[in-house]
Amino acid sequence: MGIEISNVSKYFGDFAALDGIDLKIPDGELTALLGPSGSGKTTLLRIIAGLETPDQGSIRFFGEDATQKRTRDRKVGFVFQHYALFKHMTIFENIAFGLRIRPRKSRPDKETIRAKVERLLDMVQLNGMARRFPSELSGGQKQRVALARALAVEPKVLLLDEPFGALDAKVRQELRRWLRYLHDELHITSVFVTHDQEEALEVSDRIVILNKGGIEQIGTPEEVYDNPVNPFVYGFLGNVNLFHARFEEGVLSLRHREKDDGDPTLFIRPHDISIAPDNADGKGIAARVLTHKVLGNRVRVTLKTLEGDREAEAEIGKKEWNALKGNDLDAIYLRILEAKIYAPNETWSDYVI
């Protein structure tokens, strides 16, 4: 096992940032810590790094207790959101920094350092930029330098705190694909913090979803998205529509007015709603279109049900929208293709129409 976190808690005054966290991260895995602000994900990452000390619990690296070890003795590489590069140093000097400050007995010679830095520059696709300064690089290039600097010391564990949070959307998307490729090449045990659900789903081997200092669910991206353990996870992983429902003689029907305590709730993804100009199969819900937004080959449509006056969001194909928009958009029908039912007894079930 790469990292073992046992019963870790951390308090800031009366606030419990982490409350009895148990987590095992296999060797060579890329794990995402995902959650809203204040969920404890960055605190957990800093405890793994040794930048924070837990109030209780232990941290083990590859079977060895690291709870009381200093950061530099844990052999971790840390990549910060805002790069933390030395502005007065060249790119070469930034990457070489961790090697040059080693104690004399373990410090590589100049030629070894040069060869390693050049190899890392090639790995992060920054050949020919060794003599530049951070101010001469783009945000994406700076983050690659920060990653190369973290890898230069040959860490056993790579930790990344919102590594792409300061970058624009296009660069962020490119870099996260590149990070996945790099990880597959190196197979280094890695943990990264993010609040971006899409980023976690695309990059990681496993996702740890945190909320209010505790773990809600652990699983592969497919597991947590397709089989959320509770409403929080379902709602956090992407947009969701909520409909109240009721059972009448064993048959589930939608309720559009106020929810009774015994009513289950339907959680519906926007892409699991279709829109039709009529109610040919009798399973549609009368609604009208409020707004629409074309997103490439998809269209995001905001609707309001005629009964109950509730809003819903659907995401349909552009061809489907083009066929629909010639009709009266104040008198259309939405149809739920698939949903998750959350009952008052806190159990999940699938609902397919």
Protein backbone atom coordinates (compact mmCIF):
# COMPACT_ATOMS: atom_id res chain seq x y z
CA MET A 1 0.00 0.00 0.00
CA GLY A 2 1.31 3.46 -0.89
CA ILE A 3 -0.34 5.75 1.69
CA GLU A 4 -2.39 4.66 4.70
CA ILE A 5 -4.36 7.29 6.61
CA SER A 6 -5.82 6.00 9.88
CA ASN A 7 -8.37 7.83 12.05
CA VAL A 8 -6.95 11.28 11.19
CA SER A 9 -8.66 14.32 12.71
CA LYS A 10 -7.71 17.98 12.61
CA TYR A 11 -9.31 20.84 14.49
CA PHE A 12 -8.94 24.59 14.09
CA GLY A 13 -10.42 25.87 17.33
CA ASP A 14 -13.89 24.31 17.55
CA PHE A 15 -14.03 23.63 13.81
CA ALA A 16 -13.41 20.02 12.77
CA ALA A 17 -11.60 20.29 9.42
CA LEU A 18 -11.18 16.48 9.39
CA ASP A 19 -13.05 14.00 11.55
CA GLY A 20 -11.69 10.46 11.80
CA ILE A 21 -10.52 9.98 8.21
CA ASP A 22 -9.56 6.46 7.12
CA LEU A 23 -8.15 6.12 3.61
CA LYS A 24 -5.81 3.80 1.72
CA ILE A 25 -4.14 4.95 -1.51
CA PRO A 26 -2.52 2.12 -3.49
CA ASP A 27 1.04 2.44 -4.77
CA GLY A 28 1.15 3.97 -8.25
CA GLU A 29 -2.43 5.26 -8.18
CA LEU A 30 -3.57 8.77 -9.13
CA THR A 31 -6.19 9.72 -6.54
CA ALA A 32 -8.36 12.85 -6.54
CA LEU A 33 -9.58 14.49 -3.33
CA LEU A 34 -12.81 16.14 -4.45
CA GLY A 35 -15.25 18.25 -2.49
CA PRO A 36 -16.71 21.71 -1.94
CA SER A 37 -14.87 24.52 -0.17
CA GLY A 38 -14.42 23.69 3.49
CA SER A 39 -14.74 19.93 2.99
CA GLY A 40 -11.22 19.24 4.32
CA LYS A 41 -9.50 18.15 1.11
CA THR A 42 -6.60 20.65 1.25
CA THR A 43 -6.10 20.05 4.98
CA LEU A 44 -5.84 16.32 4.30
CA LEU A 45 -3.31 16.91 1.51
CA ARG A 46 -1.20 19.14 3.78
CA ILE A 47 -1.25 16.50 6.51
CA ILE A 48 -0.06 13.89 4.01
CA ALA A 49 2.74 16.29 3.03
CA GLY A 50 3.72 17.03 6.64
CA LEU A 51 2.78 20.71 6.33
CA GLU A 52 0.09 20.18 8.99
CA THR A 53 0.12 17.86 12.00
CA PRO A 54 -2.99 15.81 12.76
CA ASP A 55 -4.54 16.15 16.22
CA GLN A 56 -5.08 12.40 16.19
CA GLY A 57 -4.42 9.49 13.88
CA SER A 58 -1.47 8.35 11.80
CA ILE A 59 0.02 8.51 8.30
CA ARG A 60 2.03 5.63 6.83
CA PHE A 61 4.05 5.73 3.62
CA PHE A 62 4.71 2.30 2.09
CA GLY A 63 4.28 0.58 5.47
CA GLU A 64 6.44 3.05 7.42
CA ASP A 65 5.00 5.47 10.00
CA ALA A 66 5.50 9.02 8.74
CA THR A 67 3.22 10.87 11.18
CA GLN A 68 6.03 12.69 13.00
CA LYS A 69 8.41 12.98 10.06
CA ARG A 70 9.29 16.38 8.64
CA THR A 71 8.16 17.20 5.13
CA ARG A 72 11.62 16.85 3.61
CA ASP A 73 12.05 13.43 5.21
CA ARG A 74 8.82 12.09 3.71
CA LYS A 75 10.16 12.25 0.14
CA VAL A 76 7.13 14.03 -1.26
CA GLY A 77 6.95 16.42 -4.18
CA PHE A 78 4.42 19.24 -3.78
CA VAL A 79 2.88 21.30 -6.59
CA PHE A 80 0.99 24.42 -5.53
CA GLN A 81 -1.89 26.12 -7.34
CA HIS A 82 0.03 29.35 -7.88
CA TYR A 83 3.30 27.69 -8.96
CA ALA A 84 5.46 29.14 -6.11
CA LEU A 85 8.41 29.57 -8.49
CA PHE A 86 11.41 31.69 -7.55
CA LYS A 87 11.07 34.80 -9.71
CA HIS A 88 14.79 35.69 -9.57
CA MET A 89 15.87 32.23 -10.75
CA THR A 90 15.90 30.85 -14.28
CA ILE A 91 13.77 27.84 -15.18
CA PHE A 92 16.86 25.64 -14.93
CA GLU A 93 17.67 26.98 -11.45
CA ASN A 94 14.10 26.53 -10.25
CA ILE A 95 14.03 22.87 -11.27
CA ALA A 96 17.52 22.23 -9.86
CA PHE A 97 16.79 23.97 -6.55
CA GLY A 98 15.75 20.89 -4.55
CA LEU A 99 18.86 19.00 -5.68
CA ARG A 100 21.27 21.83 -4.95
CA ILE A 101 20.14 22.33 -1.34
CA ARG A 102 20.60 18.70 -0.36
CA PRO A 103 23.23 17.95 2.29
CA ARG A 104 26.67 17.66 0.75
CA LYS A 105 26.82 13.88 1.21
CA SER A 106 23.64 13.28 -0.85
CA ARG A 107 23.97 16.22 -3.25
CA PRO A 108 24.52 15.20 -6.92
CA ASP A 109 27.43 16.73 -8.81
CA LYS A 110 26.85 19.54 -11.33
CA GLU A 111 26.84 17.30 -14.37
CA THR A 112 24.31 14.93 -12.82
CA ILE A 113 22.06 17.86 -11.89
CA ARG A 114 22.35 19.30 -15.41
CA ALA A 115 21.50 15.99 -17.03
CA LYS A 116 18.49 15.47 -14.76
CA VAL A 117 17.13 19.00 -15.34
CA GLU A 118 17.50 18.63 -19.11
CA ARG A 119 15.70 15.29 -18.98
CA LEU A 120 12.86 16.84 -16.96
CA LEU A 121 12.59 19.80 -19.34
CA ASP A 122 12.17 17.33 -22.14
CA MET A 123 9.58 15.39 -20.18
CA VAL A 124 7.45 18.48 -19.49
CA GLN A 125 7.92 19.70 -23.07
CA LEU A 126 9.89 22.86 -22.24
CA ASN A 127 13.08 22.21 -24.20
CA GLY A 128 15.05 25.34 -24.97
CA MET A 129 13.55 27.36 -22.09
CA ALA A 130 16.14 26.62 -19.40
CA ARG A 131 17.52 30.19 -19.39
CA ARG A 132 14.19 31.94 -19.28
CA PHE A 133 12.68 33.42 -16.13
CA PRO A 134 9.16 32.65 -14.80
CA SER A 135 7.91 36.07 -15.94
CA GLU A 136 8.62 35.02 -19.53
CA LEU A 137 6.37 31.95 -19.39
CA SER A 138 2.63 31.39 -19.72
CA GLY A 139 0.59 30.03 -16.82
CA GLY A 140 0.57 26.54 -18.28
CA GLN A 141 4.33 26.59 -18.79
CA LYS A 142 4.88 27.79 -15.20
CA GLN A 143 2.82 24.91 -13.88
CA ARG A 144 4.91 22.45 -15.90
CA VAL A 145 8.06 23.95 -14.36
CA ALA A 146 6.52 23.54 -10.90
CA LEU A 147 5.81 19.89 -11.68
CA ALA A 148 9.34 19.33 -13.02
CA ARG A 149 10.77 20.87 -9.84
CA ALA A 150 8.66 18.52 -7.70
CA LEU A 151 9.81 15.50 -9.72
CA ALA A 152 13.50 16.49 -9.66
CA VAL A 153 13.98 15.23 -6.11
CA GLU A 154 12.60 11.80 -7.13
CA PRO A 155 9.70 11.78 -4.65
CA LYS A 156 7.93 8.62 -3.60
CA VAL A 157 4.67 10.57 -3.49
CA LEU A 158 3.52 13.47 -5.68
CA LEU A 159 0.99 15.88 -4.15
CA LEU A 160 -0.84 18.55 -6.16
CA ASP A 161 -3.05 21.25 -4.62
CA GLU A 162 -5.55 22.57 -7.20
CA PRO A 163 -2.74 22.37 -9.80
CA PHE A 164 -4.77 23.87 -12.65
CA GLY A 165 -7.06 26.19 -10.70
CA ALA A 166 -5.31 29.40 -11.79
CA LEU A 167 -5.39 28.58 -15.51
CA ASP A 168 -7.96 29.34 -18.18
CA ALA A 169 -10.34 26.57 -19.30
CA LYS A 170 -8.55 25.55 -22.52
CA VAL A 171 -5.08 25.38 -20.93
CA ARG A 172 -6.51 23.55 -17.91
CA GLN A 173 -8.05 20.91 -20.15
CA GLU A 174 -4.81 20.40 -22.08
CA LEU A 175 -2.70 20.14 -18.93
CA ARG A 176 -4.91 17.65 -17.18
CA ARG A 177 -4.71 15.32 -20.19
CA TRP A 178 -0.97 15.78 -20.18
CA LEU A 179 -0.81 15.03 -16.42
CA ARG A 180 -2.68 11.77 -16.99
CA TYR A 181 -0.25 10.83 -19.75
CA LEU A 182 2.75 11.72 -17.57
CA HIS A 183 1.41 9.71 -14.65
CA ASP A 184 0.95 6.67 -16.86
CA GLU A 185 4.60 7.00 -17.83
CA LEU A 186 5.97 7.43 -14.29
CA HIS A 187 3.49 5.41 -12.17
CA ILE A 188 4.25 7.56 -9.13
CA THR A 189 1.76 7.51 -6.25
CA SER A 190 -0.08 10.80 -6.68
CA VAL A 191 -2.79 12.70 -4.82
CA PHE A 192 -4.36 15.86 -6.15
CA VAL A 193 -6.94 18.22 -4.71
CA THR A 194 -9.63 19.70 -6.91
CA HIS A 195 -13.13 21.14 -6.67
CA ASP A 196 -13.62 20.58 -10.43
CA GLN A 197 -15.79 17.49 -10.87
CA GLU A 198 -14.96 17.10 -14.56
CA GLU A 199 -11.25 17.28 -13.81
CA ALA A 200 -11.48 14.54 -11.17
CA LEU A 201 -13.59 12.32 -13.42
CA GLU A 202 -11.21 12.70 -16.37
CA VAL A 203 -7.81 12.42 -14.67
CA SER A 204 -8.00 10.15 -11.64
CA ASP A 205 -7.92 6.40 -11.05
CA ARG A 206 -10.08 6.84 -7.94
CA ILE A 207 -12.02 9.72 -6.44
CA VAL A 208 -12.39 10.43 -2.72
CA ILE A 209 -15.39 12.70 -2.18
CA LEU A 210 -15.20 14.71 1.03
CA ASN A 211 -17.82 16.81 2.79
CA LYS A 212 -17.68 18.59 6.15
CA GLY A 213 -14.50 16.82 7.20
CA GLY A 214 -15.64 13.32 6.37
CA ILE A 215 -15.54 10.93 3.40
CA GLU A 216 -18.84 10.48 1.57
CA GLN A 217 -17.70 7.96 -1.05
CA ILE A 218 -14.58 6.37 -2.56
CA GLY A 219 -14.56 4.78 -5.98
CA THR A 220 -13.51 4.90 -9.59
CA PRO A 221 -14.86 7.85 -11.62
CA GLU A 222 -17.45 5.55 -13.17
CA GLU A 223 -18.53 4.13 -9.80
CA VAL A 224 -19.10 7.46 -8.06
CA TYR A 225 -20.90 8.99 -11.05
CA ASP A 226 -23.13 6.05 -11.92
CA ASN A 227 -23.70 4.77 -8.39
CA PRO A 228 -23.64 7.67 -5.92
CA VAL A 229 -24.19 6.54 -2.34
CA ASN A 230 -26.34 9.49 -1.31
CA PRO A 231 -27.99 12.72 -2.55
CA PHE A 232 -24.94 14.84 -1.71
CA VAL A 233 -22.67 12.85 -4.04
CA TYR A 234 -25.28 12.78 -6.81
CA GLY A 235 -25.84 16.53 -6.58
CA PHE A 236 -22.16 17.37 -6.34
CA LEU A 237 -21.11 15.40 -9.42
CA GLY A 238 -22.69 17.53 -12.12
CA ASN A 239 -26.00 19.29 -12.65
CA VAL A 240 -29.13 17.61 -11.36
CA ASN A 241 -32.89 18.15 -11.46
CA LEU A 242 -35.04 17.26 -8.46
CA PHE A 243 -38.62 16.03 -8.75
CA HIS A 244 -40.78 14.85 -5.88
CA ALA A 245 -42.83 11.72 -6.46
CA ARG A 246 -45.30 9.41 -4.79
CA PHE A 247 -46.35 5.77 -4.94
CA GLU A 248 -49.99 5.08 -5.67
CA GLU A 249 -50.98 1.42 -5.56
CA GLY A 250 -47.38 0.45 -6.26
CA VAL A 251 -47.02 2.76 -9.23
CA LEU A 252 -44.62 5.70 -9.11
CA SER A 253 -46.03 9.03 -10.28
CA LEU A 254 -44.47 12.46 -10.22
CA ARG A 255 -45.65 15.04 -7.71
CA HIS A 256 -45.18 18.62 -8.79
CA ARG A 257 -46.58 20.40 -5.78
CA GLU A 258 -45.35 20.35 -2.21
CA LYS A 259 -43.46 17.29 -1.03
CA ASP A 260 -44.94 15.07 1.69
CA ASP A 261 -42.56 13.61 4.27
CA GLY A 262 -43.10 10.14 2.86
CA ASP A 263 -42.47 11.11 -0.76
CA PRO A 264 -39.31 9.90 -2.50
CA THR A 265 -37.23 12.31 -4.57
CA LEU A 266 -36.14 11.72 -8.17
CA PHE A 267 -32.64 12.89 -9.08
CA ILE A 268 -32.38 13.40 -12.84
CA ARG A 269 -29.38 14.41 -14.94
CA PRO A 270 -30.09 16.99 -17.68
CA HIS A 271 -29.02 14.51 -20.37
CA ASP A 272 -31.63 12.05 -19.05
CA ILE A 273 -34.49 14.35 -20.10
CA SER A 274 -35.83 14.41 -23.64
CA ILE A 275 -38.23 16.98 -25.10
CA ALA A 276 -41.07 16.32 -27.55
CA PRO A 277 -43.74 18.54 -29.17
CA ASP A 278 -46.51 16.10 -28.15
CA ASN A 279 -47.34 13.47 -25.56
CA ALA A 280 -47.75 10.52 -27.92
CA ASP A 281 -46.73 7.86 -25.37
CA GLY A 282 -48.63 9.45 -22.47
CA LYS A 283 -45.52 9.65 -20.29
CA GLY A 284 -44.67 13.30 -20.89
CA ILE A 285 -44.90 16.24 -18.49
CA ALA A 286 -46.44 19.38 -19.93
CA ALA A 287 -43.96 22.28 -19.89
CA ARG A 288 -42.77 25.38 -21.70
CA VAL A 289 -39.30 26.46 -22.76
CA LEU A 290 -37.85 29.41 -20.82
CA THR A 291 -34.38 29.71 -22.34
CA HIS A 292 -31.91 27.74 -24.42
CA LYS A 293 -28.15 27.90 -24.91
CA VAL A 294 -26.30 26.28 -27.80
CA LEU A 295 -23.11 24.56 -26.60
CA GLY A 296 -21.50 23.23 -29.76
CA ASN A 297 -23.43 20.12 -30.76
CA ARG A 298 -25.50 20.16 -27.56
CA VAL A 299 -28.24 22.54 -26.43
CA ARG A 300 -29.01 23.32 -22.79
CA VAL A 301 -32.72 24.02 -22.39
CA THR A 302 -34.38 25.48 -19.29
CA LEU A 303 -38.03 24.46 -18.92
CA LYS A 304 -40.87 25.12 -16.53
CA THR A 305 -43.57 22.53 -15.86
CA LEU A 306 -47.13 23.77 -16.34
CA GLU A 307 -48.27 21.86 -13.28
CA GLY A 308 -46.43 22.82 -10.12
CA ASP A 309 -44.48 25.63 -11.80
CA ARG A 310 -41.14 23.86 -11.35
CA GLU A 311 -38.01 24.50 -13.40
CA ALA A 312 -35.92 21.76 -14.99
CA GLU A 313 -32.82 21.72 -17.16
CA ALA A 314 -32.41 19.40 -20.13
CA GLU A 315 -29.41 18.85 -22.37
CA ILE A 316 -30.32 17.58 -25.82
CA GLY A 317 -28.62 17.16 -29.19
CA LYS A 318 -28.64 20.05 -31.64
CA LYS A 319 -30.56 17.99 -34.22
CA GLU A 320 -33.24 17.25 -31.61
CA TRP A 321 -33.45 20.98 -30.80
CA ASN A 322 -33.68 21.99 -34.46
CA ALA A 323 -36.58 19.58 -34.93
CA LEU A 324 -38.30 20.95 -31.83
CA LYS A 325 -37.92 24.70 -32.25
CA GLY A 326 -40.36 24.86 -35.17
CA ASN A 327 -43.17 23.95 -32.72
CA ASP A 328 -44.93 25.96 -30.03
CA LEU A 329 -42.29 26.12 -27.27
CA ASP A 330 -44.91 27.16 -24.73
CA ALA A 331 -46.64 23.79 -25.10
CA ILE A 332 -44.12 20.96 -25.19
CA TYR A 333 -43.53 17.82 -23.11
CA LEU A 334 -40.47 16.70 -21.21
CA ARG A 335 -39.87 13.02 -20.64
CA ILE A 336 -37.66 11.51 -17.96
CA LEU A 337 -35.55 8.75 -19.48
CA GLU A 338 -33.73 7.68 -16.35
CA ALA A 339 -33.48 8.79 -12.73
CA LYS A 340 -32.25 7.80 -9.30
CA ILE A 341 -34.85 7.56 -6.57
CA TYR A 342 -33.88 8.58 -3.05
CA ALA A 343 -36.47 7.35 -0.57
CA PRO A 344 -36.98 8.65 3.00
CA ASN A 345 -35.40 5.47 4.38
CA GLU A 346 -32.15 6.62 2.67
CA THR A 347 -32.06 3.89 0.05
CA TRP A 348 -31.39 4.32 -3.65
CA SER A 349 -33.10 2.64 -6.58
CA ASP A 350 -33.07 3.10 -10.33
CA TYR A 351 -36.05 4.45 -12.21
CA VAL A 352 -36.20 3.94 -15.96
CA ILE A 353 -39.24 5.04 -17.92
